[in-house]
Amino acid sequence: MDLAIKTDHLGRIYKIRGGKKTEAKELIALNDVNLEVPRGELFGLLGPNGAGKTTLIKILTTLLAPTSGRGIVAGFDVAADPEKVRPRINMVSGGESSGYGLLTVRENLWMFAQFYGIPSKIANERIKSLLEIVGLADRMNTKSSDLSTGLRQKMNIVRGFLTDPDVLFLDEPTLGLDVGASRDTRKLIRQWMSTNPDRTLLLTTHYMVEADELCDRVAIINGGKVLACDTPANLKHRLQKDALFRLEVSPLNGLGVAPFEALPGVRTVTHRPLDGRAVLEFILAEEDVLGTVINTMTTHNIRILNFQKREPTLEDVFVDLVGKSMAEVEGGN
């Protein structure tokens, strides 16, 4: 198999110092990560903030050294041969500062293209084409300081595709973008991948729909560990034997989810308030368990306002693996 990215037992530990008399504590950002990404694949890293996604990308783009293991990108070791990796890759991070405010959109992108030695004619052709795809062509001669945050991020995303790298890393590229800008970004990703079968793209995201829509395969990561890796369809298929229900109920009034978690056949249950109501998401071992759940609600005077059975999503896969929803993990609950 021709691999664009490969990691062998990759790990990264940060030393955190609390003071002169306090010993340094260790934060394990990555723990024994083993991944193989074939050339031509759109590979996703799906996980909450703080899961280790950005740390992994920084290692693979030679910005950070691993504590253990090794990473191979475009055929070269990222720690031993960083100067051979860098000309073959590019990276964009969502929310990062982009460009020089005094320069126009075209000038910023042209300048970046020169860093990679791209001839001006080719650079200008690519700039025009890419800006048209993301709906920014009419702002080509606008100073980047006059752009909104979302439009600056679009320009920044174009910068990643401009060099036509062998391997492109997009770290939360749609973070903070509105629905339209996110749609334009996904359109650019799909078009770029479809025009050359040798291109490889690694996308990190905590948006389930984005990973499901774009990625050939997805690795679910949490706490620095890869918990599962497969196609979105296969990841969801692992839950096909379970019964998934979404119930809108009256407020739980401090009851919590513990009485439901204790019921036989309840695999996981998550809770979130919603406009004076509560939404409970259940993964049950079989449909018959729903009767026990409803009886428990009746006992605690909880009224069912609406319920539906639904198909598994990547969010359900995450909950099944971690025991909490993505929002609960990010919120520390």
Protein backbone atom coordinates (compact mmCIF):
# COMPACT_ATOMS: atom_id res chain seq x y z
CA MET A 1 0.00 0.00 0.00
CA ASP A 2 1.29 3.44 -0.96
CA LEU A 3 0.94 5.41 2.26
CA ALA A 4 0.88 9.21 2.45
CA ILE A 5 0.85 9.22 6.27
CA LYS A 6 1.91 6.58 8.75
CA THR A 7 2.39 6.76 12.51
CA ASP A 8 4.02 4.06 14.62
CA HIS A 9 3.26 4.18 18.36
CA LEU A 10 3.34 7.98 18.21
CA GLY A 11 3.21 9.76 21.54
CA ARG A 12 3.57 13.25 22.92
CA ILE A 13 3.90 14.26 26.58
CA TYR A 14 3.96 17.86 27.79
CA LYS A 15 5.72 18.89 30.98
CA ILE A 16 3.65 21.35 33.01
CA ARG A 17 5.42 23.25 35.77
CA GLY A 18 3.36 24.58 38.66
CA GLY A 19 6.06 26.60 40.41
CA LYS A 20 9.61 26.49 41.79
CA LYS A 21 8.81 23.98 44.52
CA THR A 22 6.31 21.99 42.51
CA GLU A 23 7.45 19.06 40.44
CA ALA A 24 6.58 19.15 36.77
CA LYS A 25 3.40 17.30 35.93
CA GLU A 26 2.92 15.34 32.75
CA LEU A 27 0.09 15.85 30.30
CA ILE A 28 -0.30 13.00 27.84
CA ALA A 29 -1.51 14.66 24.63
CA LEU A 30 -1.02 11.60 22.39
CA ASN A 31 -0.81 7.99 23.50
CA ASP A 32 0.41 5.20 21.20
CA VAL A 33 -1.22 6.46 18.01
CA ASN A 34 -1.01 4.07 15.05
CA LEU A 35 -2.53 5.26 11.78
CA GLU A 36 -2.09 4.49 8.09
CA VAL A 37 -3.48 6.88 5.46
CA PRO A 38 -3.14 5.68 1.85
CA ARG A 39 -2.30 8.17 -0.86
CA GLY A 40 -5.46 9.68 -2.34
CA GLU A 41 -7.59 9.36 0.79
CA LEU A 42 -9.57 12.08 2.57
CA PHE A 43 -8.96 11.05 6.14
CA GLY A 44 -10.72 12.56 9.14
CA LEU A 45 -9.72 12.93 12.78
CA LEU A 46 -12.92 13.35 14.77
CA GLY A 47 -12.84 14.34 18.40
CA PRO A 48 -13.59 17.06 20.95
CA ASN A 49 -11.38 20.04 21.69
CA GLY A 50 -8.35 18.83 23.64
CA ALA A 51 -8.51 15.31 22.22
CA GLY A 52 -5.02 15.53 20.67
CA LYS A 53 -5.98 16.34 17.07
CA THR A 54 -3.94 19.55 16.79
CA THR A 55 -0.94 17.99 18.54
CA LEU A 56 -0.95 15.16 16.01
CA ILE A 57 -1.12 17.57 13.08
CA LYS A 58 1.70 19.69 14.50
CA ILE A 59 3.89 16.59 14.70
CA LEU A 60 3.02 15.46 11.19
CA THR A 61 3.75 18.95 9.79
CA THR A 62 7.18 19.07 11.55
CA LEU A 63 6.12 21.86 13.95
CA LEU A 64 6.42 19.67 17.03
CA ALA A 65 8.68 16.76 17.90
CA PRO A 66 7.13 13.52 19.13
CA THR A 67 8.05 12.23 22.58
CA SER A 68 7.92 8.63 21.37
CA GLY A 69 7.31 6.69 18.18
CA ARG A 70 7.65 8.09 14.69
CA GLY A 71 5.63 9.73 11.95
CA ILE A 72 6.10 9.32 8.20
CA VAL A 73 4.61 11.85 5.76
CA ALA A 74 5.06 11.67 1.97
CA GLY A 75 7.66 8.96 2.50
CA PHE A 76 9.89 10.85 4.97
CA ASP A 77 10.33 10.80 8.72
CA VAL A 78 8.95 14.06 10.13
CA ALA A 79 11.60 14.24 12.86
CA ALA A 80 14.65 12.99 10.93
CA ASP A 81 13.91 14.62 7.54
CA PRO A 82 11.69 17.69 8.14
CA GLU A 83 13.31 19.61 5.27
CA LYS A 84 12.12 16.89 2.86
CA VAL A 85 8.59 16.81 4.30
CA ARG A 86 7.85 20.55 4.25
CA PRO A 87 7.97 21.19 0.46
CA ARG A 88 5.44 18.38 -0.01
CA ILE A 89 2.81 19.54 2.48
CA ASN A 90 0.69 22.51 3.49
CA MET A 91 -1.43 23.27 6.53
CA VAL A 92 -4.34 25.52 7.47
CA SER A 93 -5.72 25.97 10.98
CA GLY A 94 -9.17 27.37 11.64
CA GLY A 95 -9.22 30.67 13.49
CA GLU A 96 -5.55 31.50 12.91
CA SER A 97 -4.45 34.99 11.89
CA SER A 98 -4.18 35.29 8.14
CA GLY A 99 -2.15 37.55 5.89
CA TYR A 100 -0.88 41.09 6.10
CA GLY A 101 -3.60 43.69 6.48
CA LEU A 102 -2.02 46.23 4.11
CA LEU A 103 -1.94 43.72 1.25
CA THR A 104 -4.91 42.75 -0.88
CA VAL A 105 -6.25 39.23 -0.99
CA ARG A 106 -4.43 38.55 -4.27
CA GLU A 107 -1.18 40.08 -3.02
CA ASN A 108 -1.23 38.02 0.17
CA LEU A 109 -1.78 34.80 -1.74
CA TRP A 110 0.74 35.68 -4.45
CA MET A 111 3.39 36.42 -1.81
CA PHE A 112 2.79 33.06 -0.15
CA ALA A 113 3.06 31.31 -3.53
CA GLN A 114 6.51 32.86 -4.00
CA PHE A 115 7.71 31.27 -0.77
CA TYR A 116 7.14 27.93 -2.52
CA GLY A 117 8.73 29.06 -5.78
CA ILE A 118 5.52 28.94 -7.82
CA PRO A 119 5.87 30.97 -11.06
CA SER A 120 3.75 34.15 -11.02
CA LYS A 121 1.62 33.14 -13.99
CA ILE A 122 0.67 29.81 -12.45
CA ALA A 123 0.17 31.42 -9.05
CA ASN A 124 -2.22 34.05 -10.41
CA GLU A 125 -4.21 31.43 -12.34
CA ARG A 126 -4.59 29.30 -9.23
CA ILE A 127 -5.52 32.31 -7.08
CA LYS A 128 -8.30 33.34 -9.44
CA SER A 129 -9.66 29.80 -9.76
CA LEU A 130 -9.63 29.06 -6.04
CA LEU A 131 -11.18 32.39 -5.07
CA GLU A 132 -14.02 31.73 -7.49
CA ILE A 133 -14.73 28.35 -5.91
CA VAL A 134 -15.04 29.84 -2.39
CA GLY A 135 -16.98 32.90 -3.58
CA LEU A 136 -14.22 35.41 -2.89
CA ALA A 137 -13.28 36.45 -6.43
CA ASP A 138 -15.04 39.80 -6.09
CA ARG A 139 -12.78 40.63 -3.11
CA MET A 140 -9.52 39.81 -4.89
CA ASN A 141 -8.31 43.43 -4.75
CA THR A 142 -9.65 44.19 -1.28
CA LYS A 143 -7.16 44.70 1.55
CA SER A 144 -7.32 41.76 3.89
CA SER A 145 -7.73 44.16 6.85
CA ASP A 146 -11.08 45.23 5.33
CA LEU A 147 -12.43 41.67 5.24
CA SER A 148 -14.68 40.15 7.87
CA THR A 149 -13.29 37.37 10.04
CA GLY A 150 -15.09 34.76 7.95
CA LEU A 151 -13.77 36.11 4.65
CA ARG A 152 -10.22 36.26 6.01
CA GLN A 153 -10.58 32.61 6.98
CA LYS A 154 -11.71 31.82 3.43
CA MET A 155 -8.54 33.51 2.13
CA ASN A 156 -6.53 31.49 4.61
CA ILE A 157 -8.13 28.25 3.41
CA VAL A 158 -7.30 29.13 -0.20
CA ARG A 159 -3.67 29.57 0.89
CA GLY A 160 -3.58 25.89 1.88
CA PHE A 161 -4.66 24.68 -1.57
CA LEU A 162 -2.58 27.21 -3.48
CA THR A 163 0.65 25.22 -3.45
CA ASP A 164 -1.11 22.02 -4.61
CA PRO A 165 0.67 19.92 -1.95
CA ASP A 166 0.99 16.15 -1.96
CA VAL A 167 -0.53 16.10 1.54
CA LEU A 168 -2.76 18.86 2.89
CA PHE A 169 -3.58 19.21 6.59
CA LEU A 170 -6.72 21.10 7.54
CA ASP A 171 -7.09 21.61 11.29
CA GLU A 172 -10.70 22.62 12.07
CA PRO A 173 -10.89 24.71 8.86
CA THR A 174 -14.57 25.64 9.25
CA LEU A 175 -14.24 26.72 12.90
CA GLY A 176 -16.17 29.96 13.33
CA LEU A 177 -17.46 30.04 9.74
CA ASP A 178 -21.13 30.54 8.96
CA VAL A 179 -23.17 27.91 7.13
CA GLY A 180 -22.53 29.37 3.67
CA ALA A 181 -18.77 29.72 4.16
CA SER A 182 -18.55 26.18 5.55
CA ARG A 183 -20.41 24.89 2.50
CA ASP A 184 -17.98 26.72 0.17
CA THR A 185 -15.05 25.20 2.05
CA ARG A 186 -16.43 21.68 1.72
CA LYS A 187 -17.02 22.32 -1.98
CA LEU A 188 -13.37 23.33 -2.41
CA ILE A 189 -12.19 20.24 -0.54
CA ARG A 190 -14.25 17.88 -2.68
CA GLN A 191 -13.26 19.56 -5.94
CA TRP A 192 -9.55 19.59 -5.08
CA MET A 193 -9.58 15.91 -4.15
CA SER A 194 -11.55 14.85 -7.24
CA THR A 195 -9.20 16.43 -9.77
CA ASN A 196 -6.13 14.43 -8.75
CA PRO A 197 -6.32 10.89 -7.30
CA ASP A 198 -2.85 11.16 -5.75
CA ARG A 199 -3.74 14.04 -3.44
CA THR A 200 -4.17 13.26 0.24
CA LEU A 201 -6.01 15.36 2.79
CA LEU A 202 -6.13 14.98 6.56
CA LEU A 203 -9.01 16.88 8.15
CA THR A 204 -9.52 17.39 11.88
CA THR A 205 -12.97 18.37 13.05
CA HIS A 206 -15.38 18.07 15.94
CA TYR A 207 -18.34 18.53 13.60
CA MET A 208 -19.95 15.12 13.11
CA VAL A 209 -21.81 16.02 9.92
CA GLU A 210 -18.64 17.40 8.34
CA ALA A 211 -16.72 14.18 9.00
CA ASP A 212 -19.61 12.04 7.78
CA GLU A 213 -20.09 14.05 4.60
CA LEU A 214 -16.48 14.45 3.52
CA CYS A 215 -14.25 11.67 4.80
CA ASP A 216 -13.42 8.31 3.24
CA ARG A 217 -12.38 7.06 6.68
CA VAL A 218 -12.57 8.56 10.16
CA ALA A 219 -10.48 7.99 13.26
CA ILE A 220 -12.31 8.87 16.48
CA ILE A 221 -9.86 10.28 19.00
CA ASN A 222 -10.30 11.23 22.64
CA GLY A 223 -7.86 11.73 25.47
CA GLY A 224 -4.95 11.32 23.06
CA LYS A 225 -6.01 7.81 22.03
CA VAL A 226 -7.51 6.56 18.78
CA LEU A 227 -10.64 4.67 19.83
CA ALA A 228 -11.85 3.51 16.42
CA CYS A 229 -10.96 3.92 12.75
CA ASP A 230 -13.11 2.97 9.78
CA THR A 231 -15.42 4.37 7.13
CA PRO A 232 -18.31 6.46 8.52
CA ALA A 233 -20.75 3.81 7.30
CA ASN A 234 -18.92 0.97 9.05
CA LEU A 235 -18.55 2.96 12.27
CA LYS A 236 -22.29 3.56 12.34
CA HIS A 237 -23.02 -0.05 11.36
CA ARG A 238 -21.51 -1.22 14.64
CA LEU A 239 -24.61 0.24 16.34
CA GLN A 240 -27.18 -1.19 13.91
CA LYS A 241 -28.01 -3.99 16.34
CA ASP A 242 -28.90 -1.44 19.03
CA ALA A 243 -32.08 0.61 19.37
CA LEU A 244 -31.60 4.37 19.38
CA PHE A 245 -34.29 6.70 20.71
CA ARG A 246 -34.59 10.44 21.17
CA LEU A 247 -37.10 11.51 23.82
CA GLU A 248 -38.26 15.04 24.58
CA VAL A 249 -39.59 15.11 28.13
CA SER A 250 -40.59 17.52 30.86
CA PRO A 251 -37.68 18.88 32.97
CA LEU A 252 -35.86 16.27 35.07
CA ASN A 253 -35.86 18.63 38.07
CA GLY A 254 -32.40 17.57 39.22
CA LEU A 255 -33.03 13.85 38.79
CA GLY A 256 -30.15 13.38 36.35
CA VAL A 257 -29.58 10.33 34.19
CA ALA A 258 -28.35 7.92 36.88
CA PRO A 259 -31.71 6.11 37.33
CA PHE A 260 -31.82 5.43 33.60
CA GLU A 261 -28.17 4.36 33.34
CA ALA A 262 -28.83 1.77 36.06
CA LEU A 263 -31.59 0.06 34.05
CA PRO A 264 -30.71 -3.31 32.48
CA GLY A 265 -30.29 -2.97 28.72
CA VAL A 266 -29.52 0.77 28.74
CA ARG A 267 -26.11 1.08 27.14
CA THR A 268 -25.75 4.87 27.25
CA VAL A 269 -27.94 7.88 27.90
CA THR A 270 -27.14 11.57 27.40
CA HIS A 271 -29.11 14.57 28.58
CA ARG A 272 -29.37 18.22 27.57
CA PRO A 273 -31.91 20.92 28.49
CA LEU A 274 -33.91 22.50 25.66
CA ASP A 275 -36.31 25.45 26.10
CA GLY A 276 -37.94 24.33 29.33
CA ARG A 277 -37.78 20.68 28.34
CA ALA A 278 -35.15 17.96 28.42
CA VAL A 279 -33.81 15.84 25.58
CA LEU A 280 -32.67 12.32 26.41
CA GLU A 281 -30.77 10.24 23.86
CA PHE A 282 -30.77 6.50 24.56
CA ILE A 283 -28.74 3.65 23.09
CA LEU A 284 -30.54 0.48 24.15
CA ALA A 285 -29.50 -3.12 23.77
CA GLU A 286 -32.94 -3.88 22.28
CA GLU A 287 -36.24 -2.11 21.69
CA ASP A 288 -38.04 -3.86 24.56
CA VAL A 289 -35.89 -1.93 27.05
CA LEU A 290 -37.83 1.21 26.11
CA GLY A 291 -40.77 -0.03 28.19
CA THR A 292 -38.62 -0.09 31.33
CA VAL A 293 -37.34 3.40 30.53
CA ILE A 294 -40.90 4.74 30.17
CA ASN A 295 -41.97 3.08 33.44
CA THR A 296 -39.09 4.78 35.23
CA MET A 297 -40.13 8.13 33.82
CA THR A 298 -43.71 7.57 34.98
CA THR A 299 -42.49 6.71 38.48
CA HIS A 300 -40.61 10.02 38.66
CA ASN A 301 -43.48 12.06 37.19
CA ILE A 302 -41.59 12.82 33.98
CA ARG A 303 -43.92 13.43 31.04
CA ILE A 304 -42.96 12.31 27.54
CA LEU A 305 -43.60 15.11 25.06
CA ASN A 306 -42.19 13.47 21.95
CA PHE A 307 -40.07 10.49 21.03
CA GLN A 308 -38.61 8.97 17.91
CA LYS A 309 -36.50 6.04 16.87
CA ARG A 310 -33.63 6.98 14.61
CA GLU A 311 -30.64 5.67 12.68
CA PRO A 312 -27.12 5.77 14.20
CA THR A 313 -24.89 8.81 13.65
CA LEU A 314 -21.19 9.39 14.29
CA GLU A 315 -22.24 11.21 17.46
CA ASP A 316 -23.83 7.95 18.65
CA VAL A 317 -20.62 6.09 17.85
CA PHE A 318 -18.66 8.62 19.92
CA VAL A 319 -21.11 8.28 22.82
CA ASP A 320 -20.88 4.49 22.62
CA LEU A 321 -17.08 4.61 22.75
CA VAL A 322 -16.64 7.34 25.36
CA GLY A 323 -19.85 7.17 27.39
CA LYS A 324 -20.50 10.89 26.93
CA SER A 325 -21.52 13.17 24.10
CA MET A 326 -18.97 15.41 22.40
CA ALA A 327 -20.51 18.47 24.11
CA GLU A 328 -20.31 16.82 27.53
CA VAL A 329 -16.62 15.97 27.03
CA GLU A 330 -15.80 19.51 25.91
CA GLY A 331 -17.77 20.96 28.80
CA GLY A 332 -16.00 18.73 31.32
CA ASN A 333 -19.22 17.06 32.47
